[in-house]
Amino acid sequence: MPKSCNVCAKVIPKEEQVWRKDHGKIRMLGKCLPCERARARAYAASAHGAANLRRNAHTYRQRHPEKTASDNQKFKHKNPGYFADRDRHRRKTDPLFKLLRNMGNAMRHVARNAGKCSRSDVRFLGFSSPNEFKKHLESRFESGMHWHNYGRGGWVIDHIIPQKFYDQRDHVERSKCWNAMNLRPCWDSENSRKSAAEPHDSLLRLVPQEVWPARWEPGGEP
């Protein structure tokens, strides 16, 4: 007998049936596909739902780093212009995003052109000259790292305490986030796997506590 949607009361056609695995059994939901999608969008837009989705996604990335990195690469390959278009749109509509992107570009510029850029480029990194920043990164090089393999496929600059733990709207917090003591050279493959995970104790020891985010304790919720 055809089943009706509990929300819109319409008879659910086969192509709009939604099935879920529940306690080891596959069962059909009491909602049609359009109503279930509307429910999911409303849940994701709510503060409670958004927090739960972020927490679940964070847990999944922590448990499945290799699959997460592989899925990201597949998505980029299938949608080559997606992230560029998204970034261009956010630069136009989100001033904070534009600021952070510009700071990241400045950081990469300093790393690539140490000795060839102005002192103002490294002021926010906590050093007085580009060469000081360059020496700081070199002091944290791992075996096999050198300036000729800097970039994608080699090593990249990583935030030891990820950016998401800092309130980027606050100038002091932003300065701590981008302080060079919170930056390290990291293999590109490792950086993709770890995503924005909380650092292990061995890495956290490299960051002075005065550079930690305000009211943040290691091991807390993301």
N, C-alpha and C. Protein backbone atom coordinates (compact mmCIF):
# COMPACT_ATOMS: atom_id res chain seq x y z
N MET A 1 0.84 -1.20 0.00
CA MET A 1 0.00 0.00 0.00
C MET A 1 0.88 1.25 0.00
N PRO A 2 0.61 2.23 -0.88
CA PRO A 2 1.43 3.45 -0.93
C PRO A 2 1.46 4.16 0.42
N LYS A 3 2.64 4.72 0.71
CA LYS A 3 2.80 5.42 1.98
C LYS A 3 2.74 6.93 1.76
N SER A 4 2.09 7.64 2.68
CA SER A 4 1.99 9.10 2.57
C SER A 4 3.04 9.79 3.43
N CYS A 5 3.47 10.98 2.99
CA CYS A 5 4.45 11.76 3.74
C CYS A 5 3.82 12.33 5.00
N ASN A 6 4.52 12.20 6.11
CA ASN A 6 4.01 12.70 7.38
C ASN A 6 3.97 14.23 7.44
N VAL A 7 4.67 14.89 6.51
CA VAL A 7 4.76 16.35 6.53
C VAL A 7 3.77 16.99 5.56
N CYS A 8 3.88 16.60 4.28
CA CYS A 8 3.03 17.23 3.27
C CYS A 8 1.79 16.41 2.94
N ALA A 9 1.72 15.19 3.46
CA ALA A 9 0.56 14.30 3.30
C ALA A 9 0.38 13.75 1.89
N LYS A 10 1.32 14.01 0.99
CA LYS A 10 1.22 13.47 -0.35
C LYS A 10 1.70 12.02 -0.38
N VAL A 11 1.16 11.24 -1.28
CA VAL A 11 1.63 9.86 -1.48
C VAL A 11 3.06 9.92 -2.01
N ILE A 12 3.94 9.15 -1.41
CA ILE A 12 5.37 9.20 -1.76
C ILE A 12 5.63 8.30 -2.97
N PRO A 13 5.98 8.88 -4.13
CA PRO A 13 6.34 8.04 -5.29
C PRO A 13 7.68 7.35 -5.05
N LYS A 14 7.94 6.32 -5.81
CA LYS A 14 9.15 5.50 -5.59
C LYS A 14 10.42 6.34 -5.67
N GLU A 15 10.45 7.27 -6.62
CA GLU A 15 11.69 8.05 -6.81
C GLU A 15 11.92 9.07 -5.68
N GLU A 16 10.92 9.29 -4.81
CA GLU A 16 11.07 10.24 -3.70
C GLU A 16 11.09 9.54 -2.34
N GLN A 17 11.23 8.21 -2.35
CA GLN A 17 11.34 7.48 -1.09
C GLN A 17 12.73 7.69 -0.49
N VAL A 18 12.79 7.78 0.83
CA VAL A 18 14.06 7.94 1.54
C VAL A 18 14.22 6.75 2.48
N TRP A 19 15.38 6.06 2.36
CA TRP A 19 15.64 4.86 3.17
C TRP A 19 16.81 5.12 4.08
N ARG A 20 16.75 4.59 5.28
CA ARG A 20 17.82 4.73 6.26
C ARG A 20 18.09 3.39 6.93
N LYS A 21 19.34 3.21 7.35
CA LYS A 21 19.70 2.03 8.13
C LYS A 21 19.49 2.35 9.60
N ASP A 22 18.65 1.57 10.27
CA ASP A 22 18.31 1.84 11.67
C ASP A 22 18.43 0.54 12.46
N HIS A 23 19.43 0.50 13.39
CA HIS A 23 19.67 -0.70 14.20
C HIS A 23 19.85 -1.95 13.34
N GLY A 24 20.61 -1.81 12.26
CA GLY A 24 20.92 -2.95 11.42
C GLY A 24 19.86 -3.27 10.37
N LYS A 25 18.75 -2.56 10.38
CA LYS A 25 17.69 -2.81 9.42
C LYS A 25 17.47 -1.60 8.52
N ILE A 26 17.16 -1.86 7.26
CA ILE A 26 16.86 -0.78 6.32
C ILE A 26 15.37 -0.49 6.37
N ARG A 27 15.02 0.75 6.65
CA ARG A 27 13.60 1.11 6.72
C ARG A 27 13.36 2.40 5.95
N MET A 28 12.13 2.56 5.52
CA MET A 28 11.73 3.75 4.78
C MET A 28 11.23 4.82 5.73
N LEU A 29 11.75 6.06 5.54
CA LEU A 29 11.31 7.15 6.39
C LEU A 29 9.87 7.56 6.05
N GLY A 30 9.23 8.22 6.98
CA GLY A 30 7.86 8.67 6.77
C GLY A 30 7.76 10.00 6.07
N LYS A 31 8.88 10.44 5.45
CA LYS A 31 8.88 11.72 4.74
C LYS A 31 9.31 11.50 3.30
N CYS A 32 8.80 12.33 2.40
CA CYS A 32 9.25 12.28 1.01
C CYS A 32 10.59 12.99 0.91
N LEU A 33 11.27 12.80 -0.22
CA LEU A 33 12.61 13.37 -0.40
C LEU A 33 12.62 14.90 -0.30
N PRO A 34 11.69 15.64 -0.94
CA PRO A 34 11.71 17.12 -0.81
C PRO A 34 11.54 17.57 0.65
N CYS A 35 10.65 16.91 1.41
CA CYS A 35 10.43 17.30 2.80
C CYS A 35 11.65 16.97 3.66
N GLU A 36 12.30 15.83 3.38
CA GLU A 36 13.49 15.46 4.13
C GLU A 36 14.63 16.42 3.84
N ARG A 37 14.76 16.85 2.59
CA ARG A 37 15.80 17.82 2.24
C ARG A 37 15.53 19.17 2.92
N ALA A 38 14.27 19.58 2.98
CA ALA A 38 13.92 20.82 3.65
C ALA A 38 14.24 20.74 5.14
N ARG A 39 13.96 19.58 5.74
CA ARG A 39 14.28 19.38 7.17
C ARG A 39 15.80 19.47 7.39
N ALA A 40 16.57 18.82 6.50
CA ALA A 40 18.03 18.83 6.64
C ALA A 40 18.60 20.23 6.49
N ARG A 41 18.05 21.03 5.55
CA ARG A 41 18.53 22.41 5.37
C ARG A 41 18.22 23.26 6.60
N ALA A 42 17.02 23.08 7.14
CA ALA A 42 16.64 23.85 8.33
C ALA A 42 17.52 23.47 9.52
N TYR A 43 17.82 22.19 9.65
CA TYR A 43 18.68 21.72 10.75
C TYR A 43 20.09 22.29 10.61
N ALA A 44 20.62 22.28 9.39
CA ALA A 44 21.98 22.79 9.17
C ALA A 44 22.04 24.30 9.40
N ALA A 45 20.92 25.00 9.18
CA ALA A 45 20.90 26.46 9.37
C ALA A 45 20.74 26.87 10.82
N SER A 46 20.29 25.94 11.67
CA SER A 46 20.12 26.26 13.09
C SER A 46 21.46 26.22 13.81
N ALA A 47 21.59 26.98 14.89
CA ALA A 47 22.85 27.01 15.65
C ALA A 47 23.19 25.63 16.20
N HIS A 48 22.20 24.95 16.77
CA HIS A 48 22.42 23.62 17.34
C HIS A 48 22.83 22.62 16.26
N GLY A 49 22.11 22.64 15.13
CA GLY A 49 22.41 21.71 14.05
C GLY A 49 23.78 21.96 13.44
N ALA A 50 24.10 23.23 13.21
CA ALA A 50 25.40 23.57 12.62
C ALA A 50 26.54 23.12 13.53
N ALA A 51 26.38 23.31 14.84
CA ALA A 51 27.42 22.88 15.80
C ALA A 51 27.59 21.37 15.78
N ASN A 52 26.48 20.64 15.73
CA ASN A 52 26.55 19.18 15.68
C ASN A 52 27.21 18.69 14.40
N LEU A 53 26.85 19.31 13.27
CA LEU A 53 27.43 18.90 11.99
C LEU A 53 28.94 19.17 11.96
N ARG A 54 29.36 20.32 12.51
CA ARG A 54 30.79 20.62 12.55
C ARG A 54 31.52 19.62 13.43
N ARG A 55 30.92 19.30 14.59
CA ARG A 55 31.56 18.35 15.51
C ARG A 55 31.65 16.96 14.87
N ASN A 56 30.59 16.53 14.21
CA ASN A 56 30.59 15.21 13.56
C ASN A 56 31.61 15.15 12.42
N ALA A 57 31.68 16.24 11.65
CA ALA A 57 32.64 16.28 10.55
C ALA A 57 34.07 16.26 11.08
N HIS A 58 34.31 16.99 12.18
CA HIS A 58 35.64 17.01 12.79
C HIS A 58 36.02 15.62 13.27
N THR A 59 35.08 14.92 13.92
CA THR A 59 35.35 13.57 14.42
C THR A 59 35.65 12.61 13.27
N TYR A 60 34.89 12.74 12.19
CA TYR A 60 35.10 11.86 11.03
C TYR A 60 36.49 12.09 10.43
N ARG A 61 36.88 13.38 10.28
CA ARG A 61 38.21 13.67 9.72
C ARG A 61 39.32 13.12 10.60
N GLN A 62 39.13 13.18 11.92
CA GLN A 62 40.13 12.66 12.84
C GLN A 62 40.27 11.16 12.71
N ARG A 63 39.16 10.46 12.52
CA ARG A 63 39.16 8.99 12.46
C ARG A 63 39.56 8.47 11.08
N HIS A 64 39.32 9.27 10.03
CA HIS A 64 39.58 8.80 8.67
C HIS A 64 40.39 9.84 7.89
N PRO A 65 41.61 10.16 8.33
CA PRO A 65 42.39 11.22 7.66
C PRO A 65 42.74 10.88 6.21
N GLU A 66 43.09 9.60 5.94
CA GLU A 66 43.48 9.24 4.58
C GLU A 66 42.30 9.35 3.62
N LYS A 67 41.14 8.85 4.04
CA LYS A 67 39.95 8.92 3.18
C LYS A 67 39.52 10.37 2.98
N THR A 68 39.62 11.19 4.03
CA THR A 68 39.26 12.60 3.91
C THR A 68 40.15 13.29 2.87
N ALA A 69 41.46 13.04 2.95
CA ALA A 69 42.39 13.65 1.99
C ALA A 69 42.10 13.16 0.58
N SER A 70 41.81 11.86 0.44
CA SER A 70 41.50 11.30 -0.88
C SER A 70 40.22 11.89 -1.45
N ASP A 71 39.19 12.00 -0.61
CA ASP A 71 37.92 12.58 -1.06
C ASP A 71 38.09 14.04 -1.49
N ASN A 72 38.91 14.78 -0.72
CA ASN A 72 39.15 16.19 -1.08
C ASN A 72 39.82 16.31 -2.44
N GLN A 73 40.81 15.44 -2.68
CA GLN A 73 41.51 15.48 -3.96
C GLN A 73 40.59 15.11 -5.12
N LYS A 74 39.71 14.11 -4.90
CA LYS A 74 38.76 13.71 -5.94
C LYS A 74 37.79 14.86 -6.25
N PHE A 75 37.33 15.54 -5.19
CA PHE A 75 36.39 16.65 -5.40
C PHE A 75 37.06 17.77 -6.18
N LYS A 76 38.32 18.10 -5.82
CA LYS A 76 39.03 19.16 -6.53
C LYS A 76 39.23 18.80 -8.00
N HIS A 77 39.50 17.51 -8.26
CA HIS A 77 39.72 17.07 -9.64
C HIS A 77 38.44 17.16 -10.46
N LYS A 78 37.30 16.80 -9.85
CA LYS A 78 36.02 16.83 -10.56
C LYS A 78 35.45 18.25 -10.67
N ASN A 79 35.84 19.12 -9.74
CA ASN A 79 35.31 20.49 -9.71
C ASN A 79 36.47 21.48 -9.67
N PRO A 80 37.24 21.58 -10.77
CA PRO A 80 38.48 22.38 -10.75
C PRO A 80 38.28 23.86 -10.43
N GLY A 81 37.13 24.42 -10.79
CA GLY A 81 36.93 25.85 -10.56
C GLY A 81 36.13 26.18 -9.32
N TYR A 82 35.71 25.15 -8.57
CA TYR A 82 34.78 25.38 -7.45
C TYR A 82 35.39 26.28 -6.38
N PHE A 83 36.58 25.93 -5.89
CA PHE A 83 37.16 26.67 -4.78
C PHE A 83 37.59 28.07 -5.20
N ALA A 84 38.08 28.21 -6.43
CA ALA A 84 38.46 29.55 -6.92
C ALA A 84 37.24 30.46 -7.00
N ASP A 85 36.12 29.93 -7.52
CA ASP A 85 34.89 30.72 -7.62
C ASP A 85 34.36 31.07 -6.23
N ARG A 86 34.41 30.09 -5.32
CA ARG A 86 33.93 30.33 -3.96
C ARG A 86 34.76 31.40 -3.27
N ASP A 87 36.09 31.32 -3.43
CA ASP A 87 36.97 32.30 -2.80
C ASP A 87 36.76 33.70 -3.36
N ARG A 88 36.56 33.79 -4.67
CA ARG A 88 36.32 35.11 -5.27
C ARG A 88 35.03 35.72 -4.73
N HIS A 89 34.00 34.89 -4.57
CA HIS A 89 32.74 35.40 -4.04
C HIS A 89 32.90 35.84 -2.59
N ARG A 90 33.60 35.02 -1.78
CA ARG A 90 33.77 35.37 -0.37
C ARG A 90 34.65 36.60 -0.19
N ARG A 91 35.63 36.79 -1.07
CA ARG A 91 36.46 37.99 -0.99
C ARG A 91 35.62 39.25 -1.17
N LYS A 92 34.60 39.16 -2.02
CA LYS A 92 33.74 40.32 -2.30
C LYS A 92 32.74 40.58 -1.18
N THR A 93 32.34 39.51 -0.46
CA THR A 93 31.24 39.65 0.51
C THR A 93 31.68 39.54 1.96
N ASP A 94 32.88 39.04 2.21
CA ASP A 94 33.34 38.79 3.59
C ASP A 94 34.68 39.48 3.82
N PRO A 95 34.70 40.67 4.44
CA PRO A 95 35.95 41.41 4.64
C PRO A 95 36.98 40.64 5.47
N LEU A 96 36.52 39.88 6.48
CA LEU A 96 37.46 39.12 7.32
C LEU A 96 38.14 38.02 6.51
N PHE A 97 37.37 37.33 5.67
CA PHE A 97 37.95 36.30 4.81
C PHE A 97 39.01 36.90 3.89
N LYS A 98 38.71 38.07 3.33
CA LYS A 98 39.66 38.75 2.44
C LYS A 98 40.94 39.10 3.20
N LEU A 99 40.79 39.58 4.44
CA LEU A 99 41.95 39.94 5.25
C LEU A 99 42.83 38.72 5.51
N LEU A 100 42.21 37.61 5.91
CA LEU A 100 42.98 36.41 6.23
C LEU A 100 43.67 35.83 5.00
N ARG A 101 42.98 35.88 3.86
CA ARG A 101 43.61 35.41 2.62
C ARG A 101 44.82 36.28 2.27
N ASN A 102 44.67 37.59 2.46
CA ASN A 102 45.78 38.48 2.16
C ASN A 102 46.96 38.23 3.10
N MET A 103 46.65 37.94 4.37
CA MET A 103 47.73 37.64 5.33
C MET A 103 48.43 36.34 4.96
N GLY A 104 47.65 35.36 4.55
CA GLY A 104 48.25 34.10 4.12
C GLY A 104 49.13 34.29 2.89
N ASN A 105 48.66 35.10 1.95
CA ASN A 105 49.46 35.38 0.76
C ASN A 105 50.75 36.11 1.11
N ALA A 106 50.65 37.04 2.07
CA ALA A 106 51.85 37.75 2.51
C ALA A 106 52.84 36.81 3.16
N MET A 107 52.33 35.86 3.96
CA MET A 107 53.20 34.89 4.61
C MET A 107 53.93 34.03 3.58
N ARG A 108 53.21 33.58 2.56
CA ARG A 108 53.85 32.77 1.51
C ARG A 108 54.84 33.61 0.71
N HIS A 109 54.51 34.89 0.51
CA HIS A 109 55.42 35.79 -0.22
C HIS A 109 56.73 35.94 0.54
N VAL A 110 56.62 36.08 1.86
CA VAL A 110 57.83 36.22 2.68
C VAL A 110 58.67 34.96 2.60
N ALA A 111 58.01 33.81 2.68
CA ALA A 111 58.75 32.54 2.66
C ALA A 111 59.48 32.34 1.34
N ARG A 112 58.83 32.72 0.25
CA ARG A 112 59.44 32.51 -1.07
C ARG A 112 60.50 33.57 -1.40
N ASN A 113 60.35 34.77 -0.83
CA ASN A 113 61.20 35.88 -1.24
C ASN A 113 61.94 36.51 -0.06
N ALA A 114 62.34 35.68 0.89
CA ALA A 114 63.05 36.21 2.05
C ALA A 114 64.25 37.02 1.58
N GLY A 115 64.34 38.23 2.13
CA GLY A 115 65.44 39.11 1.74
C GLY A 115 65.07 40.04 0.59
N LYS A 116 63.92 39.78 -0.06
CA LYS A 116 63.53 40.59 -1.22
C LYS A 116 62.23 41.36 -0.97
N CYS A 117 61.68 41.26 0.23
CA CYS A 117 60.41 41.95 0.49
C CYS A 117 60.59 42.90 1.68
N SER A 118 59.61 43.74 1.88
CA SER A 118 59.74 44.80 2.88
C SER A 118 59.54 44.28 4.30
N ARG A 119 59.99 45.06 5.27
CA ARG A 119 59.83 44.69 6.68
C ARG A 119 58.36 44.65 7.08
N SER A 120 57.54 45.48 6.43
CA SER A 120 56.12 45.50 6.79
C SER A 120 55.44 44.17 6.49
N ASP A 121 55.99 43.41 5.53
CA ASP A 121 55.40 42.12 5.19
C ASP A 121 55.51 41.11 6.32
N VAL A 122 56.52 41.26 7.18
CA VAL A 122 56.72 40.28 8.24
C VAL A 122 56.39 40.82 9.63
N ARG A 123 55.90 42.06 9.68
CA ARG A 123 55.62 42.67 10.98
C ARG A 123 54.59 41.86 11.76
N PHE A 124 53.54 41.37 11.06
CA PHE A 124 52.51 40.63 11.76
C PHE A 124 52.97 39.24 12.17
N LEU A 125 54.11 38.79 11.65
CA LEU A 125 54.63 37.46 12.00
C LEU A 125 55.46 37.50 13.27
N GLY A 126 55.75 38.67 13.80
CA GLY A 126 56.51 38.76 15.03
C GLY A 126 58.01 38.91 14.83
N PHE A 127 58.46 39.17 13.60
CA PHE A 127 59.88 39.35 13.33
C PHE A 127 60.13 40.72 12.73
N SER A 128 61.35 41.18 12.85
CA SER A 128 61.68 42.52 12.35
C SER A 128 62.18 42.50 10.92
N SER A 129 62.53 41.31 10.40
CA SER A 129 63.03 41.25 9.03
C SER A 129 62.64 39.91 8.39
N PRO A 130 62.54 39.87 7.06
CA PRO A 130 62.23 38.62 6.37
C PRO A 130 63.25 37.52 6.65
N ASN A 131 64.53 37.89 6.74
CA ASN A 131 65.56 36.87 6.98
C ASN A 131 65.40 36.20 8.34
N GLU A 132 64.94 36.96 9.34
CA GLU A 132 64.70 36.35 10.65
C GLU A 132 63.60 35.30 10.55
N PHE A 133 62.55 35.61 9.81
CA PHE A 133 61.47 34.64 9.62
C PHE A 133 61.98 33.43 8.86
N LYS A 134 62.81 33.65 7.86
CA LYS A 134 63.36 32.54 7.09
C LYS A 134 64.19 31.61 7.98
N LYS A 135 65.03 32.20 8.83
CA LYS A 135 65.85 31.39 9.74
C LYS A 135 64.99 30.63 10.74
N HIS A 136 63.90 31.27 11.17
CA HIS A 136 62.98 30.61 12.10
C HIS A 136 62.40 29.35 11.46
N LEU A 137 61.96 29.45 10.20
CA LEU A 137 61.42 28.27 9.51
C LEU A 137 62.50 27.20 9.32
N GLU A 138 63.69 27.63 8.94
CA GLU A 138 64.78 26.67 8.73
C GLU A 138 65.12 25.91 10.01
N SER A 139 64.97 26.58 11.16
CA SER A 139 65.27 25.91 12.43
C SER A 139 64.27 24.79 12.73
N ARG A 140 63.12 24.81 12.03
CA ARG A 140 62.10 23.78 12.23
C ARG A 140 61.99 22.83 11.05
N PHE A 141 62.94 22.90 10.12
CA PHE A 141 62.94 22.00 8.97
C PHE A 141 63.07 20.55 9.43
N GLU A 142 62.35 19.66 8.74
CA GLU A 142 62.53 18.22 8.92
C GLU A 142 63.50 17.73 7.87
N SER A 143 63.99 16.50 8.05
CA SER A 143 64.93 15.94 7.08
C SER A 143 64.32 15.92 5.68
N GLY A 144 65.06 16.43 4.72
CA GLY A 144 64.59 16.45 3.34
C GLY A 144 63.97 17.77 2.92
N MET A 145 63.72 18.67 3.87
CA MET A 145 63.13 19.97 3.53
C MET A 145 64.22 20.96 3.12
N HIS A 146 63.95 21.70 2.07
CA HIS A 146 64.84 22.78 1.65
C HIS A 146 63.99 23.76 0.84
N TRP A 147 64.56 24.88 0.47
CA TRP A 147 63.77 25.94 -0.17
C TRP A 147 63.36 25.60 -1.59
N HIS A 148 64.00 24.61 -2.19
CA HIS A 148 63.64 24.24 -3.56
C HIS A 148 62.43 23.31 -3.61
N ASN A 149 62.02 22.74 -2.45
CA ASN A 149 60.80 21.91 -2.48
C ASN A 149 59.68 22.53 -1.63
N TYR A 150 59.74 23.86 -1.49
CA TYR A 150 58.66 24.57 -0.80
C TYR A 150 57.47 24.71 -1.74
N GLY A 151 56.28 24.38 -1.29
CA GLY A 151 55.07 24.50 -2.08
C GLY A 151 54.35 23.18 -2.21
N ARG A 152 53.32 23.14 -3.03
CA ARG A 152 52.51 21.94 -3.18
C ARG A 152 53.35 20.76 -3.63
N GLY A 153 53.13 19.62 -2.97
CA GLY A 153 53.90 18.43 -3.28
C GLY A 153 55.18 18.32 -2.47
N GLY A 154 55.61 19.45 -1.87
CA GLY A 154 56.80 19.46 -1.01
C GLY A 154 56.36 19.78 0.41
N TRP A 155 56.84 20.92 0.92
CA TRP A 155 56.40 21.35 2.24
C TRP A 155 55.67 22.69 2.15
N VAL A 156 54.79 22.92 3.11
CA VAL A 156 54.01 24.15 3.17
C VAL A 156 54.10 24.70 4.59
N ILE A 157 53.60 25.92 4.80
CA ILE A 157 53.60 26.51 6.14
C ILE A 157 52.29 26.17 6.84
N ASP A 158 52.42 25.65 8.05
CA ASP A 158 51.27 25.14 8.79
C ASP A 158 51.10 25.91 10.09
N HIS A 159 49.84 26.19 10.47
CA HIS A 159 49.54 26.73 11.80
C HIS A 159 49.53 25.56 12.78
N ILE A 160 50.41 25.58 13.78
CA ILE A 160 50.46 24.49 14.75
C ILE A 160 49.13 24.40 15.49
N ILE A 161 48.70 25.52 16.09
CA ILE A 161 47.33 25.61 16.62
C ILE A 161 46.48 26.17 15.48
N PRO A 162 45.53 25.40 14.96
CA PRO A 162 44.79 25.82 13.77
C PRO A 162 44.07 27.15 13.93
N GLN A 163 43.86 27.81 12.81
CA GLN A 163 43.23 29.13 12.81
C GLN A 163 41.84 29.12 13.43
N LYS A 164 41.13 28.00 13.32
CA LYS A 164 39.74 27.97 13.80
C LYS A 164 39.63 28.16 15.31
N PHE A 165 40.71 27.94 16.07
CA PHE A 165 40.65 28.09 17.51
C PHE A 165 40.79 29.55 17.95
N TYR A 166 41.17 30.43 17.03
CA TYR A 166 41.33 31.85 17.34
C TYR A 166 40.13 32.65 16.86
N ASP A 167 39.81 33.70 17.58
CA ASP A 167 38.77 34.63 17.15
C ASP A 167 39.43 35.62 16.20
N GLN A 168 39.30 35.36 14.90
CA GLN A 168 39.99 36.16 13.91
C GLN A 168 39.45 37.59 13.82
N ARG A 169 38.29 37.84 14.44
CA ARG A 169 37.75 39.21 14.42
C ARG A 169 38.47 40.11 15.41
N ASP A 170 39.19 39.50 16.36
CA ASP A 170 39.91 40.25 17.38
C ASP A 170 41.37 40.43 16.95
N HIS A 171 41.84 41.68 16.97
CA HIS A 171 43.19 41.97 16.47
C HIS A 171 44.27 41.22 17.27
N VAL A 172 44.13 41.19 18.59
CA VAL A 172 45.13 40.51 19.43
C VAL A 172 45.15 39.02 19.12
N GLU A 173 43.96 38.41 19.04
CA GLU A 173 43.88 36.98 18.74
C GLU A 173 44.45 36.68 17.35
N ARG A 174 44.16 37.55 16.41
CA ARG A 174 44.67 37.35 15.05
C ARG A 174 46.18 37.44 15.02
N SER A 175 46.73 38.36 15.79
CA SER A 175 48.19 38.50 15.85
C SER A 175 48.84 37.26 16.44
N LYS A 176 48.19 36.67 17.46
CA LYS A 176 48.73 35.45 18.07
C LYS A 176 48.66 34.28 17.09
N CYS A 177 47.53 34.20 16.37
CA CYS A 177 47.35 33.11 15.41
C CYS A 177 48.45 33.10 14.36
N TRP A 178 48.79 34.30 13.86
CA TRP A 178 49.75 34.41 12.78
C TRP A 178 51.17 34.67 13.27
N ASN A 179 51.38 34.63 14.58
CA ASN A 179 52.72 34.78 15.10
C ASN A 179 53.59 33.62 14.61
N ALA A 180 54.83 33.91 14.27
CA ALA A 180 55.70 32.89 13.69
C ALA A 180 55.94 31.71 14.62
N MET A 181 55.82 31.91 15.94
CA MET A 181 56.00 30.79 16.87
C MET A 181 54.88 29.76 16.71
N ASN A 182 53.78 30.15 16.06
CA ASN A 182 52.68 29.23 15.80
C ASN A 182 52.75 28.65 14.38
N LEU A 183 53.84 28.92 13.68
CA LEU A 183 54.00 28.45 12.31
C LEU A 183 55.16 27.47 12.22
N ARG A 184 55.02 26.51 11.36
CA ARG A 184 56.09 25.53 11.15
C ARG A 184 56.03 25.02 9.71
N PRO A 185 57.17 24.56 9.18
CA PRO A 185 57.14 23.89 7.89
C PRO A 185 56.57 22.48 8.07
N CYS A 186 55.69 22.07 7.17
CA CYS A 186 55.00 20.78 7.29
C CYS A 186 54.87 20.18 5.90
N TRP A 187 55.11 18.88 5.79
CA TRP A 187 54.94 18.24 4.49
C TRP A 187 53.51 18.42 4.01
N ASP A 188 53.36 18.72 2.74
CA ASP A 188 52.04 18.98 2.16
C ASP A 188 51.08 17.81 2.39
N SER A 189 51.56 16.58 2.25
CA SER A 189 50.71 15.40 2.44
C SER A 189 50.24 15.29 3.88
N GLU A 190 51.13 15.58 4.83
CA GLU A 190 50.76 15.53 6.25
C GLU A 190 49.75 16.63 6.57
N ASN A 191 49.95 17.80 5.99
CA ASN A 191 49.04 18.92 6.23
C ASN A 191 47.63 18.60 5.74
N SER A 192 47.53 17.90 4.61
CA SER A 192 46.21 17.53 4.08
C SER A 192 45.54 16.51 4.97
N ARG A 193 46.32 15.56 5.51
CA ARG A 193 45.74 14.52 6.36
C ARG A 193 45.23 15.07 7.68
N LYS A 194 46.01 15.95 8.28
CA LYS A 194 45.64 16.41 9.62
C LYS A 194 44.54 17.46 9.60
N SER A 195 44.36 18.13 8.45
CA SER A 195 43.33 19.16 8.32
C SER A 195 43.49 20.19 9.45
N ALA A 196 42.41 20.48 10.20
CA ALA A 196 42.47 21.47 11.28
C ALA A 196 42.42 20.79 12.64
N ALA A 197 43.09 19.63 12.75
CA ALA A 197 43.06 18.89 14.00
C ALA A 197 43.89 19.59 15.07
N GLU A 198 43.53 19.36 16.33
CA GLU A 198 44.28 19.92 17.45
C GLU A 198 45.68 19.31 17.48
N PRO A 199 46.74 20.09 17.76
CA PRO A 199 48.10 19.56 17.71
C PRO A 199 48.41 18.59 18.84
N HIS A 200 49.33 17.66 18.56
CA HIS A 200 49.82 16.76 19.60
C HIS A 200 50.73 17.53 20.54
N ASP A 201 50.98 16.95 21.71
CA ASP A 201 51.80 17.61 22.73
C ASP A 201 53.18 17.97 22.21
N SER A 202 53.78 17.09 21.38
CA SER A 202 55.13 17.34 20.89
C SER A 202 55.20 18.61 20.04
N LEU A 203 54.12 18.91 19.31
CA LEU A 203 54.08 20.14 18.51
C LEU A 203 53.66 21.33 19.37
N LEU A 204 52.73 21.10 20.27
CA LEU A 204 52.22 22.20 21.10
C LEU A 204 53.32 22.81 21.95
N ARG A 205 54.33 22.01 22.29
CA ARG A 205 55.45 22.53 23.10
C ARG A 205 56.25 23.59 22.35
N LEU A 206 56.11 23.64 21.03
CA LEU A 206 56.83 24.65 20.24
C LEU A 206 56.19 26.03 20.35
N VAL A 207 54.94 26.07 20.84
CA VAL A 207 54.18 27.33 20.87
C VAL A 207 54.11 27.86 22.30
N PRO A 208 54.68 29.03 22.58
CA PRO A 208 54.58 29.61 23.93
C PRO A 208 53.12 29.84 24.31
N GLN A 209 52.81 29.68 25.59
CA GLN A 209 51.42 29.81 26.03
C GLN A 209 50.85 31.20 25.76
N GLU A 210 51.70 32.22 25.72
CA GLU A 210 51.17 33.56 25.45
C GLU A 210 50.67 33.70 24.02
N VAL A 211 50.97 32.72 23.18
CA VAL A 211 50.49 32.73 21.80
C VAL A 211 49.24 31.85 21.65
N TRP A 212 48.88 31.10 22.69
CA TRP A 212 47.68 30.27 22.62
C TRP A 212 46.43 31.14 22.52
N PRO A 213 45.35 30.60 21.98
CA PRO A 213 44.08 31.36 21.94
C PRO A 213 43.57 31.65 23.35
N ALA A 214 42.87 32.74 23.51
CA ALA A 214 42.28 33.09 24.80
C ALA A 214 41.25 32.04 25.21
N ARG A 215 41.27 31.70 26.48
CA ARG A 215 40.31 30.76 27.06
C ARG A 215 40.28 29.42 26.34
N TRP A 216 41.43 29.00 25.82
CA TRP A 216 41.52 27.71 25.14
C TRP A 216 42.36 26.73 25.94
N GLU A 217 41.90 25.51 26.06
CA GLU A 217 42.64 24.47 26.75
C GLU A 217 42.80 23.29 25.81
N PRO A 218 44.00 22.72 25.69
CA PRO A 218 44.18 21.55 24.81
C PRO A 218 43.25 20.42 25.22
N GLY A 219 42.69 19.76 24.23
CA GLY A 219 41.79 18.65 24.51
C GLY A 219 40.34 19.05 24.60
N GLY A 220 40.05 20.37 24.46
CA GLY A 220 38.67 20.85 24.52
C GLY A 220 37.94 20.59 23.23
N GLU A 221 36.69 20.98 23.19
CA GLU A 221 35.88 20.79 21.99
C GLU A 221 36.38 21.73 20.89
N PRO A 222 36.29 21.29 19.63
CA PRO A 222 36.72 22.15 18.50
C PRO A 222 35.78 23.33 18.34
